[in-house]
Amino acid sequence: MARGVVGALIGAGLLALVGLVIGLITGIQIGGNYFSDFEFEGARGYIATGNIGARVGAVIGGLSGAILGFWLARKKPAHRGHVEA
């Protein structure tokens, strides 16, 4: 069980960071090209949509990383038989 929890934490951390970066870049591109008048938390345009994209990307990446990390950590490695020479 501990192995699965550690795998989930590592997977969540790594994929949250990846999701944050991808979400930030996607949000900046969308905000800069299509929503230049959009306002969020006092920021406008690409900055506002970049903040939203980073948050959404981090949450989605963290959740999927936790599930994937837990699943991979709990998966049993294939048993390889001992080969005598």
PDB file of N, CA and C in Angstrom:
ATOM      1  N   MET A   1       0.823  -1.201   0.000  1.00  0.00           N
ATOM      2  CA  MET A   1       0.000   0.000   0.000  1.00  0.00           C
ATOM      3  C   MET A   1       0.861   1.257   0.000  1.00  0.00           C
ATOM      4  N   ALA A   2       1.927   1.232   0.787  1.00  0.00           N
ATOM      5  CA  ALA A   2       2.802   2.402   0.848  1.00  0.00           C
ATOM      6  C   ALA A   2       3.457   2.673  -0.498  1.00  0.00           C
ATOM      7  N   ARG A   3       3.765   1.592  -1.206  1.00  0.00           N
ATOM      8  CA  ARG A   3       4.373   1.755  -2.527  1.00  0.00           C
ATOM      9  C   ARG A   3       3.423   2.474  -3.477  1.00  0.00           C
ATOM     10  N   GLY A   4       2.135   2.149  -3.396  1.00  0.00           N
ATOM     11  CA  GLY A   4       1.146   2.805  -4.239  1.00  0.00           C
ATOM     12  C   GLY A   4       0.972   4.276  -3.897  1.00  0.00           C
ATOM     13  N   VAL A   5       1.019   4.600  -2.601  1.00  0.00           N
ATOM     14  CA  VAL A   5       0.876   5.995  -2.183  1.00  0.00           C
ATOM     15  C   VAL A   5       2.072   6.817  -2.636  1.00  0.00           C
ATOM     16  N   VAL A   6       3.266   6.261  -2.490  1.00  0.00           N
ATOM     17  CA  VAL A   6       4.468   6.973  -2.935  1.00  0.00           C
ATOM     18  C   VAL A   6       4.443   7.167  -4.447  1.00  0.00           C
ATOM     19  N   GLY A   7       4.038   6.140  -5.167  1.00  0.00           N
ATOM     20  CA  GLY A   7       3.922   6.261  -6.619  1.00  0.00           C
ATOM     21  C   GLY A   7       2.912   7.312  -7.024  1.00  0.00           C
ATOM     22  N   ALA A   8       1.793   7.371  -6.287  1.00  0.00           N
ATOM     23  CA  ALA A   8       0.769   8.373  -6.580  1.00  0.00           C
ATOM     24  C   ALA A   8       1.289   9.781  -6.322  1.00  0.00           C
ATOM     25  N   LEU A   9       2.026   9.969  -5.235  1.00  0.00           N
ATOM     26  CA  LEU A   9       2.568  11.293  -4.922  1.00  0.00           C
ATOM     27  C   LEU A   9       3.600  11.741  -5.954  1.00  0.00           C
ATOM     28  N   ILE A  10       4.476  10.832  -6.334  1.00  0.00           N
ATOM     29  CA  ILE A  10       5.487  11.184  -7.341  1.00  0.00           C
ATOM     30  C   ILE A  10       4.826  11.465  -8.689  1.00  0.00           C
ATOM     31  N   GLY A  11       3.887  10.611  -9.089  1.00  0.00           N
ATOM     32  CA  GLY A  11       3.189  10.828 -10.353  1.00  0.00           C
ATOM     33  C   GLY A  11       2.395  12.115 -10.365  1.00  0.00           C
ATOM     34  N   ALA A  12       1.739  12.413  -9.244  1.00  0.00           N
ATOM     35  CA  ALA A  12       0.954  13.650  -9.162  1.00  0.00           C
ATOM     36  C   ALA A  12       1.852  14.869  -9.270  1.00  0.00           C
ATOM     37  N   GLY A  13       2.969  14.845  -8.587  1.00  0.00           N
ATOM     38  CA  GLY A  13       3.885  15.984  -8.639  1.00  0.00           C
ATOM     39  C   GLY A  13       4.461  16.218 -10.019  1.00  0.00           C
ATOM     40  N   LEU A  14       4.891  15.137 -10.649  1.00  0.00           N
ATOM     41  CA  LEU A  14       5.498  15.283 -11.970  1.00  0.00           C
ATOM     42  C   LEU A  14       4.491  15.717 -13.028  1.00  0.00           C
ATOM     43  N   LEU A  15       3.349  15.057 -13.069  1.00  0.00           N
ATOM     44  CA  LEU A  15       2.377  15.410 -14.101  1.00  0.00           C
ATOM     45  C   LEU A  15       1.657  16.728 -13.800  1.00  0.00           C
ATOM     46  N   ALA A  16       1.607  17.137 -12.529  1.00  0.00           N
ATOM     47  CA  ALA A  16       1.053  18.450 -12.219  1.00  0.00           C
ATOM     48  C   ALA A  16       1.957  19.540 -12.791  1.00  0.00           C
ATOM     49  N   LEU A  17       3.264  19.343 -12.688  1.00  0.00           N
ATOM     50  CA  LEU A  17       4.201  20.315 -13.245  1.00  0.00           C
ATOM     51  C   LEU A  17       4.107  20.361 -14.768  1.00  0.00           C
ATOM     52  N   VAL A  18       4.024  19.190 -15.377  1.00  0.00           N
ATOM     53  CA  VAL A  18       3.889  19.135 -16.841  1.00  0.00           C
ATOM     54  C   VAL A  18       2.567  19.780 -17.275  1.00  0.00           C
ATOM     55  N   GLY A  19       1.483  19.442 -16.575  1.00  0.00           N
ATOM     56  CA  GLY A  19       0.182  20.029 -16.899  1.00  0.00           C
ATOM     57  C   GLY A  19       0.154  21.530 -16.702  1.00  0.00           C
ATOM     58  N   LEU A  20       0.842  22.008 -15.655  1.00  0.00           N
ATOM     59  CA  LEU A  20       0.909  23.450 -15.409  1.00  0.00           C
ATOM     60  C   LEU A  20       1.566  24.166 -16.583  1.00  0.00           C
ATOM     61  N   VAL A  21       2.675  23.644 -17.040  1.00  0.00           N
ATOM     62  CA  VAL A  21       3.394  24.290 -18.152  1.00  0.00           C
ATOM     63  C   VAL A  21       2.575  24.239 -19.438  1.00  0.00           C
ATOM     64  N   ILE A  22       1.994  23.086 -19.736  1.00  0.00           N
ATOM     65  CA  ILE A  22       1.188  22.958 -20.954  1.00  0.00           C
ATOM     66  C   ILE A  22      -0.042  23.860 -20.870  1.00  0.00           C
ATOM     67  N   GLY A  23      -0.708  23.880 -19.711  1.00  0.00           N
ATOM     68  CA  GLY A  23      -1.871  24.743 -19.531  1.00  0.00           C
ATOM     69  C   GLY A  23      -1.529  26.218 -19.622  1.00  0.00           C
ATOM     70  N   LEU A  24      -0.381  26.588 -19.066  1.00  0.00           N
ATOM     71  CA  LEU A  24       0.061  27.987 -19.129  1.00  0.00           C
ATOM     72  C   LEU A  24       0.297  28.419 -20.574  1.00  0.00           C
ATOM     73  N   ILE A  25       1.017  27.604 -21.309  1.00  0.00           N
ATOM     74  CA  ILE A  25       1.307  27.954 -22.705  1.00  0.00           C
ATOM     75  C   ILE A  25       0.025  27.988 -23.533  1.00  0.00           C
ATOM     76  N   THR A  26      -0.853  27.019 -23.329  1.00  0.00           N
ATOM     77  CA  THR A  26      -2.117  26.993 -24.062  1.00  0.00           C
ATOM     78  C   THR A  26      -2.970  28.205 -23.702  1.00  0.00           C
ATOM     79  N   GLY A  27      -3.068  28.520 -22.417  1.00  0.00           N
ATOM     80  CA  GLY A  27      -3.846  29.682 -21.988  1.00  0.00           C
ATOM     81  C   GLY A  27      -3.300  30.994 -22.535  1.00  0.00           C
ATOM     82  N   ILE A  28      -1.991  31.121 -22.561  1.00  0.00           N
ATOM     83  CA  ILE A  28      -1.379  32.334 -23.103  1.00  0.00           C
ATOM     84  C   ILE A  28      -1.685  32.470 -24.593  1.00  0.00           C
ATOM     85  N   GLN A  29      -1.595  31.357 -25.324  1.00  0.00           N
ATOM     86  CA  GLN A  29      -1.882  31.406 -26.756  1.00  0.00           C
ATOM     87  C   GLN A  29      -3.339  31.768 -27.033  1.00  0.00           C
ATOM     88  N   ILE A  30      -4.252  31.169 -26.280  1.00  0.00           N
ATOM     89  CA  ILE A  30      -5.673  31.460 -26.477  1.00  0.00           C
ATOM     90  C   ILE A  30      -5.985  32.898 -26.084  1.00  0.00           C
ATOM     91  N   GLY A  31      -5.469  33.336 -24.944  1.00  0.00           N
ATOM     92  CA  GLY A  31      -5.744  34.692 -24.476  1.00  0.00           C
ATOM     93  C   GLY A  31      -5.127  35.769 -25.355  1.00  0.00           C
ATOM     94  N   GLY A  32      -3.941  35.504 -25.866  1.00  0.00           N
ATOM     95  CA  GLY A  32      -3.286  36.488 -26.712  1.00  0.00           C
ATOM     96  C   GLY A  32      -3.917  36.623 -28.075  1.00  0.00           C
ATOM     97  N   ASN A  33      -4.503  35.539 -28.572  1.00  0.00           N
ATOM     98  CA  ASN A  33      -5.055  35.565 -29.923  1.00  0.00           C
ATOM     99  C   ASN A  33      -6.555  35.810 -29.973  1.00  0.00           C
ATOM    100  N   TYR A  34      -7.308  35.315 -28.975  1.00  0.00           N
ATOM    101  CA  TYR A  34      -8.757  35.354 -29.077  1.00  0.00           C
ATOM    102  C   TYR A  34      -9.453  36.147 -27.976  1.00  0.00           C
ATOM    103  N   PHE A  35      -8.900  36.157 -26.772  1.00  0.00           N
ATOM    104  CA  PHE A  35      -9.578  36.790 -25.640  1.00  0.00           C
ATOM    105  C   PHE A  35      -8.744  37.922 -25.056  1.00  0.00           C
ATOM    106  N   SER A  36      -8.385  38.858 -25.871  1.00  0.00           N
ATOM    107  CA  SER A  36      -7.520  39.952 -25.400  1.00  0.00           C
ATOM    108  C   SER A  36      -8.243  40.887 -24.431  1.00  0.00           C
ATOM    109  N   ASP A  37      -9.568  40.908 -24.405  1.00  0.00           N
ATOM    110  CA  ASP A  37     -10.316  41.762 -23.473  1.00  0.00           C
ATOM    111  C   ASP A  37     -10.787  41.006 -22.234  1.00  0.00           C
ATOM    112  N   PHE A  38     -10.429  39.754 -22.101  1.00  0.00           N
ATOM    113  CA  PHE A  38     -10.862  38.933 -20.967  1.00  0.00           C
ATOM    114  C   PHE A  38     -10.167  39.401 -19.683  1.00  0.00           C
ATOM    115  N   GLU A  39     -10.920  39.483 -18.589  1.00  0.00           N
ATOM    116  CA  GLU A  39     -10.358  39.896 -17.297  1.00  0.00           C
ATOM    117  C   GLU A  39     -10.583  38.814 -16.257  1.00  0.00           C
ATOM    118  N   PHE A  40      -9.544  38.573 -15.424  1.00  0.00           N
ATOM    119  CA  PHE A  40      -9.614  37.599 -14.344  1.00  0.00           C
ATOM    120  C   PHE A  40      -8.623  38.008 -13.258  1.00  0.00           C
ATOM    121  N   GLU A  41      -9.116  38.225 -12.057  1.00  0.00           N
ATOM    122  CA  GLU A  41      -8.304  38.629 -10.900  1.00  0.00           C
ATOM    123  C   GLU A  41      -7.455  39.868 -11.180  1.00  0.00           C
ATOM    124  N   GLY A  42      -8.002  40.799 -11.864  1.00  0.00           N
ATOM    125  CA  GLY A  42      -7.306  42.046 -12.136  1.00  0.00           C
ATOM    126  C   GLY A  42      -6.346  41.993 -13.305  1.00  0.00           C
ATOM    127  N   ALA A  43      -6.181  40.850 -13.919  1.00  0.00           N
ATOM    128  CA  ALA A  43      -5.298  40.717 -15.075  1.00  0.00           C
ATOM    129  C   ALA A  43      -6.154  40.658 -16.338  1.00  0.00           C
ATOM    130  N   ARG A  44      -5.557  41.076 -17.440  1.00  0.00           N
ATOM    131  CA  ARG A  44      -6.281  41.079 -18.711  1.00  0.00           C
ATOM    132  C   ARG A  44      -5.536  40.275 -19.755  1.00  0.00           C
ATOM    133  N   GLY A  45      -6.295  39.780 -20.706  1.00  0.00           N
ATOM    134  CA  GLY A  45      -5.739  39.147 -21.899  1.00  0.00           C
ATOM    135  C   GLY A  45      -5.007  37.855 -21.631  1.00  0.00           C
ATOM    136  N   TYR A  46      -3.802  37.773 -22.215  1.00  0.00           N
ATOM    137  CA  TYR A  46      -3.053  36.526 -22.154  1.00  0.00           C
ATOM    138  C   TYR A  46      -2.600  36.183 -20.736  1.00  0.00           C
ATOM    139  N   ILE A  47      -2.406  37.179 -19.896  1.00  0.00           N
ATOM    140  CA  ILE A  47      -1.999  36.909 -18.514  1.00  0.00           C
ATOM    141  C   ILE A  47      -3.138  36.231 -17.754  1.00  0.00           C
ATOM    142  N   ALA A  48      -4.352  36.724 -17.927  1.00  0.00           N
ATOM    143  CA  ALA A  48      -5.509  36.156 -17.232  1.00  0.00           C
ATOM    144  C   ALA A  48      -5.775  34.729 -17.692  1.00  0.00           C
ATOM    145  N   THR A  49      -5.783  34.503 -18.988  1.00  0.00           N
ATOM    146  CA  THR A  49      -6.068  33.149 -19.471  1.00  0.00           C
ATOM    147  C   THR A  49      -4.897  32.211 -19.207  1.00  0.00           C
ATOM    148  N   GLY A  50      -3.691  32.745 -19.142  1.00  0.00           N
ATOM    149  CA  GLY A  50      -2.540  31.921 -18.763  1.00  0.00           C
ATOM    150  C   GLY A  50      -2.653  31.429 -17.331  1.00  0.00           C
ATOM    151  N   ASN A  51      -3.132  32.300 -16.421  1.00  0.00           N
ATOM    152  CA  ASN A  51      -3.338  31.885 -15.033  1.00  0.00           C
ATOM    153  C   ASN A  51      -4.383  30.784 -14.936  1.00  0.00           C
ATOM    154  N   ILE A  52      -5.469  30.941 -15.654  1.00  0.00           N
ATOM    155  CA  ILE A  52      -6.518  29.921 -15.635  1.00  0.00           C
ATOM    156  C   ILE A  52      -6.001  28.613 -16.235  1.00  0.00           C
ATOM    157  N   GLY A  53      -5.313  28.704 -17.352  1.00  0.00           N
ATOM    158  CA  GLY A  53      -4.772  27.512 -17.997  1.00  0.00           C
ATOM    159  C   GLY A  53      -3.774  26.777 -17.118  1.00  0.00           C
ATOM    160  N   ALA A  54      -2.935  27.518 -16.400  1.00  0.00           N
ATOM    161  CA  ALA A  54      -1.958  26.890 -15.507  1.00  0.00           C
ATOM    162  C   ALA A  54      -2.655  26.155 -14.373  1.00  0.00           C
ATOM    163  N   ARG A  55      -3.679  26.758 -13.806  1.00  0.00           N
ATOM    164  CA  ARG A  55      -4.397  26.112 -12.705  1.00  0.00           C
ATOM    165  C   ARG A  55      -5.132  24.864 -13.170  1.00  0.00           C
ATOM    166  N   VAL A  56      -5.840  24.988 -14.275  1.00  0.00           N
ATOM    167  CA  VAL A  56      -6.585  23.837 -14.799  1.00  0.00           C
ATOM    168  C   VAL A  56      -5.620  22.717 -15.211  1.00  0.00           C
ATOM    169  N   GLY A  57      -4.533  23.086 -15.863  1.00  0.00           N
ATOM    170  CA  GLY A  57      -3.547  22.084 -16.274  1.00  0.00           C
ATOM    171  C   GLY A  57      -2.902  21.382 -15.096  1.00  0.00           C
ATOM    172  N   ALA A  58      -2.608  22.122 -14.030  1.00  0.00           N
ATOM    173  CA  ALA A  58      -2.002  21.514 -12.848  1.00  0.00           C
ATOM    174  C   ALA A  58      -2.963  20.551 -12.171  1.00  0.00           C
ATOM    175  N   VAL A  59      -4.229  20.919 -12.083  1.00  0.00           N
ATOM    176  CA  VAL A  59      -5.216  20.034 -11.449  1.00  0.00           C
ATOM    177  C   VAL A  59      -5.419  18.766 -12.273  1.00  0.00           C
ATOM    178  N   ILE A  60      -5.621  18.920 -13.568  1.00  0.00           N
ATOM    179  CA  ILE A  60      -5.832  17.754 -14.424  1.00  0.00           C
ATOM    180  C   ILE A  60      -4.578  16.875 -14.451  1.00  0.00           C
ATOM    181  N   GLY A  61      -3.416  17.491 -14.569  1.00  0.00           N
ATOM    182  CA  GLY A  61      -2.171  16.725 -14.568  1.00  0.00           C
ATOM    183  C   GLY A  61      -1.925  16.026 -13.244  1.00  0.00           C
ATOM    184  N   GLY A  62      -2.219  16.705 -12.143  1.00  0.00           N
ATOM    185  CA  GLY A  62      -2.026  16.095 -10.832  1.00  0.00           C
ATOM    186  C   GLY A  62      -2.934  14.915 -10.596  1.00  0.00           C
ATOM    187  N   LEU A  63      -4.190  15.052 -10.967  1.00  0.00           N
ATOM    188  CA  LEU A  63      -5.129  13.941 -10.791  1.00  0.00           C
ATOM    189  C   LEU A  63      -4.767  12.747 -11.663  1.00  0.00           C
ATOM    190  N   SER A  64      -4.472  13.008 -12.918  1.00  0.00           N
ATOM    191  CA  SER A  64      -4.121  11.897 -13.807  1.00  0.00           C
ATOM    192  C   SER A  64      -2.777  11.287 -13.406  1.00  0.00           C
ATOM    193  N   GLY A  65      -1.848  12.097 -12.919  1.00  0.00           N
ATOM    194  CA  GLY A  65      -0.573  11.571 -12.451  1.00  0.00           C
ATOM    195  C   GLY A  65      -0.714  10.719 -11.207  1.00  0.00           C
ATOM    196  N   ALA A  66      -1.608  11.113 -10.304  1.00  0.00           N
ATOM    197  CA  ALA A  66      -1.840  10.321  -9.099  1.00  0.00           C
ATOM    198  C   ALA A  66      -2.440   8.968  -9.451  1.00  0.00           C
ATOM    199  N   ILE A  67      -3.398   8.970 -10.335  1.00  0.00           N
ATOM    200  CA  ILE A  67      -4.026   7.702 -10.745  1.00  0.00           C
ATOM    201  C   ILE A  67      -3.016   6.818 -11.474  1.00  0.00           C
ATOM    202  N   LEU A  68      -2.291   7.393 -12.417  1.00  0.00           N
ATOM    203  CA  LEU A  68      -1.313   6.622 -13.177  1.00  0.00           C
ATOM    204  C   LEU A  68      -0.172   6.133 -12.285  1.00  0.00           C
ATOM    205  N   GLY A  69       0.333   6.997 -11.403  1.00  0.00           N
ATOM    206  CA  GLY A  69       1.410   6.603 -10.503  1.00  0.00           C
ATOM    207  C   GLY A  69       0.993   5.505  -9.552  1.00  0.00           C
ATOM    208  N   PHE A  70      -0.206   5.585  -9.018  1.00  0.00           N
ATOM    209  CA  PHE A  70      -0.710   4.545  -8.128  1.00  0.00           C
ATOM    210  C   PHE A  70      -0.854   3.227  -8.869  1.00  0.00           C
ATOM    211  N   TRP A  71      -1.378   3.287 -10.070  1.00  0.00           N
ATOM    212  CA  TRP A  71      -1.581   2.078 -10.862  1.00  0.00           C
ATOM    213  C   TRP A  71      -0.242   1.430 -11.235  1.00  0.00           C
ATOM    214  N   LEU A  72       0.731   2.239 -11.650  1.00  0.00           N
ATOM    215  CA  LEU A  72       2.030   1.687 -12.036  1.00  0.00           C
ATOM    216  C   LEU A  72       2.797   1.147 -10.834  1.00  0.00           C
ATOM    217  N   ALA A  73       2.660   1.792  -9.679  1.00  0.00           N
ATOM    218  CA  ALA A  73       3.373   1.326  -8.494  1.00  0.00           C
ATOM    219  C   ALA A  73       2.775   0.034  -7.958  1.00  0.00           C
ATOM    220  N   ARG A  74       1.488  -0.150  -8.109  1.00  0.00           N
ATOM    221  CA  ARG A  74       0.826  -1.362  -7.611  1.00  0.00           C
ATOM    222  C   ARG A  74       0.969  -2.540  -8.571  1.00  0.00           C
ATOM    223  N   LYS A  75       1.319  -2.266  -9.802  1.00  0.00           N
ATOM    224  CA  LYS A  75       1.443  -3.328 -10.797  1.00  0.00           C
ATOM    225  C   LYS A  75       2.644  -4.211 -10.447  1.00  0.00           C
ATOM    226  N   LYS A  76       2.433  -5.505 -10.449  1.00  0.00           N
ATOM    227  CA  LYS A  76       3.497  -6.449 -10.103  1.00  0.00           C
ATOM    228  C   LYS A  76       4.436  -6.622 -11.295  1.00  0.00           C
ATOM    229  N   PRO A  77       5.749  -6.614 -11.042  1.00  0.00           N
ATOM    230  CA  PRO A  77       6.681  -6.833 -12.155  1.00  0.00           C
ATOM    231  C   PRO A  77       6.587  -8.275 -12.648  1.00  0.00           C
ATOM    232  N   ALA A  78       6.891  -8.460 -13.905  1.00  0.00           N
ATOM    233  CA  ALA A  78       6.850  -9.796 -14.493  1.00  0.00           C
ATOM    234  C   ALA A  78       7.939 -10.655 -13.850  1.00  0.00           C
ATOM    235  N   HIS A  79       7.578 -11.864 -13.471  1.00  0.00           N
ATOM    236  CA  HIS A  79       8.534 -12.776 -12.837  1.00  0.00           C
ATOM    237  C   HIS A  79       9.382 -13.432 -13.907  1.00  0.00           C
ATOM    238  N   ARG A  80      10.677 -13.311 -13.747  1.00  0.00           N
ATOM    239  CA  ARG A  80      11.589 -13.944 -14.684  1.00  0.00           C
ATOM    240  C   ARG A  80      12.248 -15.122 -13.980  1.00  0.00           C
ATOM    241  N   GLY A  81      12.121 -16.258 -14.579  1.00  0.00           N
ATOM    242  CA  GLY A  81      12.667 -17.462 -13.976  1.00  0.00           C
ATOM    243  C   GLY A  81      14.193 -17.464 -13.993  1.00  0.00           C
ATOM    244  N   HIS A  82      14.767 -18.174 -13.062  1.00  0.00           N
ATOM    245  CA  HIS A  82      16.212 -18.286 -12.997  1.00  0.00           C
ATOM    246  C   HIS A  82      16.677 -19.266 -14.059  1.00  0.00           C
ATOM    247  N   VAL A  83      17.647 -18.859 -14.837  1.00  0.00           N
ATOM    248  CA  VAL A  83      18.160 -19.697 -15.927  1.00  0.00           C
ATOM    249  C   VAL A  83      19.495 -20.262 -15.486  1.00  0.00           C
ATOM    250  N   GLU A  84      19.602 -21.586 -15.451  1.00  0.00           N
ATOM    251  CA  GLU A  84      20.851 -22.254 -15.090  1.00  0.00           C
ATOM    252  C   GLU A  84      21.695 -22.412 -16.340  1.00  0.00           C
ATOM    253  N   ALA A  85      22.999 -22.210 -16.199  1.00  0.00           N
ATOM    254  CA  ALA A  85      23.909 -22.357 -17.328  1.00  0.00           C
ATOM    255  C   ALA A  85      24.372 -23.781 -17.477  1.00  0.00           C
TER     256      ALA A  85
END
